[in-house]
Protein backbone atom coordinates (compact mmCIF):
# COMPACT_ATOMS: atom_id res chain seq x y z
CA MET A 1 72.78 -1.66 31.49
CA SER A 2 74.79 0.49 33.93
CA SER A 3 73.16 2.50 36.68
CA TYR A 4 74.14 5.68 34.88
CA LYS A 5 72.36 4.70 31.67
CA LYS A 6 69.26 3.68 33.61
CA LEU A 7 69.17 7.07 35.24
CA ILE A 8 69.48 8.84 31.88
CA TRP A 9 66.65 6.71 30.42
CA LEU A 10 64.39 7.48 33.41
CA VAL A 11 65.02 11.22 33.10
CA LEU A 12 64.16 11.16 29.37
CA CYS A 13 60.89 9.32 30.05
CA ILE A 14 59.93 11.86 32.71
CA ILE A 15 60.69 14.76 30.37
CA PHE A 16 58.66 13.16 27.53
CA GLY A 17 55.67 12.51 29.83
CA ALA A 18 55.76 16.05 31.18
CA GLY A 19 55.78 17.39 27.62
CA LEU A 20 52.70 15.42 26.76
CA PHE A 21 50.98 16.63 29.92
CA PHE A 22 51.73 20.30 29.34
CA PHE A 23 51.39 20.50 25.55
CA TRP A 24 48.42 18.11 24.95
CA PRO A 25 45.78 20.82 25.73
CA PHE A 26 47.35 22.96 23.00
CA THR A 27 46.88 20.29 20.33
CA PRO A 28 44.59 21.74 17.61
CA ALA A 29 40.95 20.61 18.10
CA HIS A 30 38.99 19.08 15.26
CA GLU A 31 35.62 20.54 14.20
CA THR A 32 32.77 18.93 12.29
CA ASP A 33 29.02 19.22 11.69
CA LEU A 34 26.55 16.69 13.09
CA LEU A 35 23.03 16.38 11.68
CA VAL A 36 21.08 15.30 14.77
CA PRO A 37 17.44 14.04 14.73
CA VAL A 38 15.01 15.81 17.06
CA VAL A 39 12.88 13.56 19.28
CA PRO A 40 9.84 15.20 20.99
CA GLU A 41 9.39 14.15 24.61
CA ASN A 42 7.18 14.87 27.64
CA ILE A 43 4.16 16.15 25.71
CA PRO A 44 1.18 16.64 28.08
CA ASP A 45 -1.67 14.11 28.08
CA GLY A 46 -4.42 14.91 25.59
CA LEU A 47 -2.09 16.83 23.29
CA THR A 48 0.00 15.85 20.29
CA ILE A 49 2.02 17.55 17.57
CA ALA A 50 0.91 17.74 13.96
CA SER A 51 4.24 16.38 12.69
CA THR A 52 6.34 13.85 14.57
CA ARG A 53 9.04 13.98 11.87
CA LEU A 54 10.76 17.17 12.93
CA LYS A 55 13.60 18.49 10.85
CA PRO A 56 17.04 17.57 12.24
CA VAL A 57 19.29 20.20 13.80
CA GLU A 58 22.85 20.73 12.60
CA PHE A 59 25.30 21.04 15.52
CA ARG A 60 28.82 22.35 14.99
CA VAL A 61 31.02 20.46 17.48
CA LYS A 62 34.67 20.60 18.51
CA GLY A 63 36.97 18.05 20.12
CA GLY A 64 39.80 15.60 19.66
CA LYS A 65 39.87 14.03 16.20
CA SER A 66 39.57 10.45 17.42
CA VAL A 67 36.58 11.33 19.63
CA ILE A 68 34.93 13.38 16.87
CA ASP A 69 35.38 10.54 14.38
CA GLY A 70 33.75 8.17 16.86
CA LEU A 71 30.61 10.35 17.03
CA LEU A 72 29.60 9.17 13.56
CA ASP A 73 29.05 5.67 14.93
CA ARG A 74 26.91 6.80 17.88
CA LYS A 75 23.13 7.18 17.74
CA ILE A 76 22.87 10.74 19.00
CA HIS A 77 19.55 12.60 19.18
CA TYR A 78 18.31 15.84 20.65
CA SER A 79 15.44 15.54 23.15
CA LEU A 80 12.91 18.33 22.62
CA ASP A 81 11.16 18.91 25.94
CA LEU A 82 7.46 19.68 25.34
CA SER A 83 6.33 19.64 28.95
CA GLY A 84 3.97 22.53 29.69
CA VAL A 85 3.09 23.32 26.04
CA LYS A 86 -0.44 24.33 25.00
CA ILE A 87 -2.44 24.15 21.76
CA GLY A 88 -0.99 26.39 19.06
CA VAL A 89 2.21 27.04 17.13
CA ILE A 90 5.20 27.13 19.50
CA SER A 91 8.86 27.93 18.91
CA ILE A 92 11.23 26.16 21.32
CA PRO A 93 14.89 27.26 21.58
CA ILE A 94 17.62 24.68 21.07
CA GLU A 95 19.68 24.36 24.26
CA LYS A 96 23.16 23.25 23.21
CA GLU A 97 24.05 21.90 26.63
CA LYS A 98 21.19 19.34 26.41
CA LEU A 99 22.90 17.48 23.58
CA SER A 100 24.46 14.39 25.14
CA LEU A 101 28.07 14.15 23.93
CA PRO A 102 31.15 12.29 25.21
CA GLY A 103 33.74 14.10 27.34
CA GLY A 104 36.10 16.37 25.47
CA VAL A 105 33.51 17.39 22.87
CA SER A 106 31.75 20.75 23.00
CA VAL A 107 29.02 22.38 20.90
CA ILE A 108 29.97 25.58 19.05
CA ASN A 109 26.53 26.43 17.64
CA ALA A 110 23.25 24.92 16.43
CA THR A 111 21.34 25.58 13.19
CA PRO A 112 18.49 26.40 13.43
CA SER A 113 18.57 27.90 16.89
CA SER A 114 14.94 26.90 17.57
CA VAL A 115 12.34 24.31 16.53
CA THR A 116 8.74 25.25 15.67
CA VAL A 117 5.95 22.74 16.37
CA ARG A 118 2.18 22.85 16.01
CA VAL A 119 0.48 21.45 19.10
CA GLU A 120 -3.02 20.00 18.57
CA LYS A 121 -5.66 18.30 20.67
CA GLU A 122 -5.25 14.51 20.48
CA ILE A 123 -8.30 12.33 19.82
CA THR A 124 -8.97 8.65 19.13
CA LYS A 125 -11.37 7.38 16.48
CA GLU A 126 -12.37 3.93 15.18
CA LEU A 127 -12.26 3.60 11.40
CA PRO A 128 -12.98 0.79 8.91
CA ILE A 129 -10.10 -0.53 6.82
CA ALA A 130 -10.21 -0.09 3.03
CA ILE A 131 -8.01 -2.48 1.06
CA VAL A 132 -5.98 -0.99 -1.81
CA PHE A 133 -4.61 -2.98 -4.77
CA SER A 134 -2.12 -2.20 -7.52
CA GLY A 135 -1.32 -4.08 -10.71
CA LYS A 136 -3.53 -6.61 -12.43
CA PRO A 137 -4.30 -10.25 -11.61
CA ALA A 138 -3.65 -13.03 -14.13
CA ALA A 139 -5.54 -12.73 -17.41
CA GLY A 140 -9.13 -13.81 -17.01
CA PHE A 141 -9.19 -13.46 -13.21
CA ARG A 142 -10.55 -10.80 -10.85
CA VAL A 143 -10.72 -10.00 -7.15
CA ALA A 144 -14.05 -11.47 -6.05
CA ASN A 145 -13.76 -10.45 -2.41
CA ALA A 146 -11.22 -8.99 0.01
CA ALA A 147 -11.53 -8.84 3.79
CA ALA A 148 -9.27 -7.36 6.45
CA LYS A 149 -8.83 -8.79 9.94
CA PRO A 150 -9.46 -6.79 12.01
CA ALA A 151 -11.98 -4.95 9.84
CA ARG A 152 -11.75 -1.80 11.98
CA VAL A 153 -8.95 -0.17 13.97
CA MET A 154 -8.69 2.53 16.62
CA LEU A 155 -6.44 5.41 15.61
CA ARG A 156 -4.88 8.22 17.63
CA GLY A 157 -3.82 11.58 16.25
CA PRO A 158 -4.38 15.34 15.91
CA ALA A 159 -8.07 16.28 15.88
CA PRO A 160 -7.91 18.40 12.66
CA LEU A 161 -6.41 15.43 10.79
CA LEU A 162 -8.30 12.48 12.29
CA ALA A 163 -11.79 13.91 12.84
CA PRO A 164 -12.73 14.27 9.10
CA MET A 165 -11.53 10.77 8.16
CA ASN A 166 -14.11 8.04 7.46
CA GLN A 167 -11.72 5.17 6.62
CA ILE A 168 -8.07 4.17 6.69
CA THR A 169 -6.41 2.42 3.76
CA THR A 170 -3.83 -0.34 3.64
CA LYS A 171 -0.52 -0.05 1.90
CA SER A 172 -1.04 -1.12 -1.71
CA ILE A 173 -1.17 -4.90 -2.29
CA GLU A 174 0.52 -5.90 -5.54
CA LEU A 175 -1.62 -8.40 -7.48
CA ASN A 176 1.23 -9.17 -9.91
CA HIS A 177 -0.70 -11.56 -12.21
CA VAL A 178 -2.05 -13.59 -9.28
CA PRO A 179 -4.43 -16.38 -10.46
CA GLU A 180 -5.53 -17.73 -7.07
CA SER A 181 -6.78 -16.69 -3.65
CA PHE A 182 -4.20 -15.69 -1.04
CA LYS A 183 -3.64 -14.18 2.41
CA LYS A 184 -1.13 -11.46 3.21
CA GLU A 185 -0.07 -9.37 6.20
CA VAL A 186 0.06 -5.66 5.38
CA THR A 187 0.53 -2.36 7.18
CA LEU A 188 -1.80 0.62 7.16
CA ASP A 189 -1.03 3.72 5.12
CA LEU A 190 -0.90 6.07 8.09
CA SER A 191 -0.50 9.79 7.52
CA GLU A 192 2.20 11.54 9.49
CA GLY A 193 0.95 12.22 13.00
CA LEU A 194 -1.41 9.22 13.13
CA SER A 195 -0.76 6.03 15.06
CA LEU A 196 -2.61 2.89 16.08
CA ALA A 197 -4.09 3.10 19.55
CA ALA A 198 -3.47 -0.66 19.98
CA SER A 199 -0.14 -2.41 19.66
CA GLN A 200 -1.12 -4.44 16.59
CA ASN A 201 0.64 -3.05 13.52
CA LEU A 202 -0.03 -5.76 10.92
CA ILE A 203 -3.40 -6.38 9.26
CA LEU A 204 -4.25 -9.79 7.80
CA VAL A 205 -5.94 -9.47 4.39
CA ALA A 206 -7.70 -12.46 2.77
CA VAL A 207 -8.19 -12.06 -0.99
CA ASP A 208 -10.54 -14.34 -2.93
CA MET A 209 -9.80 -14.58 -6.64
CA ASP A 210 -12.35 -15.73 -9.20
CA MET A 211 -12.66 -15.97 -12.96
CA GLU A 212 -13.49 -12.62 -14.54
CA ILE A 213 -17.04 -12.57 -15.90
CA ALA A 214 -17.97 -10.57 -18.99
CA ALA A 215 -20.73 -10.26 -21.55
CA LYS A 216 -20.36 -10.65 -25.30
CA LYS A 217 -22.73 -10.03 -28.23
CA ILE A 218 -22.68 -12.38 -31.21
CA SER A 219 -24.59 -11.63 -34.40
CA HIS A 220 -25.62 -13.45 -37.56
CA ILE A 221 -25.99 -16.97 -36.25
CA ARG A 222 -27.95 -19.03 -38.77
CA ILE A 223 -30.98 -20.86 -37.43
CA ASP A 224 -31.47 -24.53 -38.31
CA GLY A 225 -34.85 -26.24 -38.53
CA ARG A 226 -34.83 -29.74 -37.10
CA GLY A 227 -37.08 -32.75 -37.46
CA SER A 228 -39.31 -31.60 -40.35
CA ALA A 229 -40.23 -33.93 -43.23
CA HIS A 230 -41.39 -30.94 -45.32
CA PHE A 231 -39.89 -27.93 -46.98
CA PHE A 232 -39.64 -24.93 -44.63
CA GLU A 233 -38.45 -21.34 -44.47
CA ILE A 234 -37.44 -19.43 -41.33
CA LYS A 235 -37.82 -15.64 -41.24
CA PRO A 236 -35.53 -13.98 -40.31
CA PRO A 237 -32.94 -16.68 -40.93
CA LEU A 238 -30.41 -15.27 -38.46
CA VAL A 239 -30.44 -14.70 -34.71
CA HIS A 240 -28.46 -12.24 -32.55
CA ILE A 241 -27.54 -13.24 -29.00
CA GLU A 242 -25.77 -11.89 -25.92
CA ILE A 243 -23.93 -14.35 -23.71
CA LYS A 244 -22.16 -14.07 -20.34
CA GLY A 245 -19.41 -16.14 -18.78
CA PRO A 246 -15.70 -16.38 -17.88
CA VAL A 247 -13.50 -14.20 -20.07
CA LEU A 248 -11.13 -17.08 -20.76
CA THR A 249 -14.02 -19.14 -22.16
CA LEU A 250 -15.52 -16.27 -24.17
CA ASP A 251 -12.17 -15.63 -25.86
CA LYS A 252 -11.86 -19.27 -26.95
CA ILE A 253 -15.39 -19.90 -28.21
CA GLU A 254 -15.65 -21.08 -31.82
CA MET A 255 -19.12 -19.85 -32.81
CA GLU A 256 -19.77 -22.32 -35.64
CA LYS A 257 -18.88 -25.33 -33.50
CA GLU A 258 -19.90 -24.38 -29.98
CA ILE A 259 -22.88 -22.03 -30.44
CA GLN A 260 -25.85 -23.27 -32.38
CA ALA A 261 -29.39 -21.97 -32.83
CA SER A 262 -32.28 -24.18 -33.91
CA ILE A 263 -36.07 -24.49 -33.99
CA ASP A 264 -37.74 -27.84 -33.35
CA LEU A 265 -40.11 -28.62 -36.24
CA GLN A 266 -40.76 -32.25 -35.29
CA GLY A 267 -44.37 -33.26 -36.09
CA LEU A 268 -45.45 -29.88 -37.47
CA LYS A 269 -47.81 -29.97 -40.47
CA PRO A 270 -47.64 -27.54 -43.38
CA GLY A 271 -48.61 -24.03 -42.31
CA THR A 272 -47.25 -20.83 -40.80
CA TYR A 273 -45.99 -20.74 -37.21
CA GLU A 274 -44.49 -18.22 -34.75
CA LEU A 275 -41.81 -20.16 -32.90
CA LYS A 276 -38.90 -19.49 -30.60
CA ALA A 277 -35.32 -20.61 -31.22
CA ALA A 278 -33.20 -22.64 -28.83
CA VAL A 279 -29.55 -21.67 -28.48
CA THR A 280 -26.92 -24.11 -27.22
CA VAL A 281 -23.70 -22.77 -25.66
CA PRO A 282 -20.77 -24.23 -23.65
CA ALA A 283 -21.60 -25.40 -20.11
CA ASP A 284 -20.13 -22.38 -18.27
CA ILE A 285 -21.79 -19.83 -20.58
CA THR A 286 -25.23 -18.28 -20.01
CA VAL A 287 -27.49 -16.86 -22.71
CA VAL A 288 -28.60 -13.39 -21.58
CA GLU A 289 -30.66 -12.27 -24.58
CA ILE A 290 -31.96 -13.61 -27.91
CA LYS A 291 -33.15 -11.29 -30.70
CA PRO A 292 -35.65 -11.56 -32.15
CA GLU A 293 -37.55 -13.51 -29.52
CA SER A 294 -39.67 -15.40 -32.08
CA PHE A 295 -39.45 -16.37 -35.74
CA THR A 296 -41.91 -16.97 -38.55
CA VAL A 297 -41.67 -20.54 -39.86
CA ILE A 298 -43.45 -21.40 -43.12
CA ILE A 299 -43.78 -25.15 -43.72
CA SER A 300 -44.79 -26.32 -47.21
CA ALA A 301 -45.95 -29.76 -48.24
CA ARG A 302 -43.70 -31.63 -50.63
CA PRO A 303 -45.13 -31.73 -54.23
């Protein structure tokens, strides 16, 4: 390339660079809305706010398109300075200049222009943990016992909210047809504004499952007389019983085969007797009640 052409090329580059320098500020700026979370900071010791989940503030911002587009990937928040506040409802103005933004971006306005908070006295209180379940265990099973470790926790929060509480519940534990004992780590169901005074967030819950126990009444079981060499009559001839045991067993009992009622007549001579009946049931079933308690047995000699 000749010296003349090089000179021409250099002049063109200088002109192009100068144009960028002088006309770049006049490039149209891009505007957009940012929904920014509000983070309370510097609250005085012994005080707290009733709601830590403050509504976000919408900032209208202006700047170069590439910079504005990059804001969407940044974790921007607005720090709400609560230093010097006292108990009560307080409205704090939003100061646009306190929003930390990259160079070349400016704030046009903020909506709302202020944030209202309720400042309360902060207290701590120790509460027992109540375990909450949802769903049903496997058919025939029940929760026999449930224990949380730790059994009590120290909570921190606004006095009007925390002072009346007498327990704190866990997040619901889904039983989901569980047939056996288990252990599970769960979190507490903390109301907004409450927090654990200690750093431990997870609670270990031990759940003991057992067979569900129920009672069942069975009527019209015929009474047999056993061991008599004579004719006999039992009045009344039927017995009514109430039994208790695992639901799975109760549902499967065949009364004629597995439940029998009888009176032992072995060695009794002809005559009239008031006797009690014996009822046999499966091994894991208990007889709760027999009605009537005694029966009239009339034994007659053979002709």
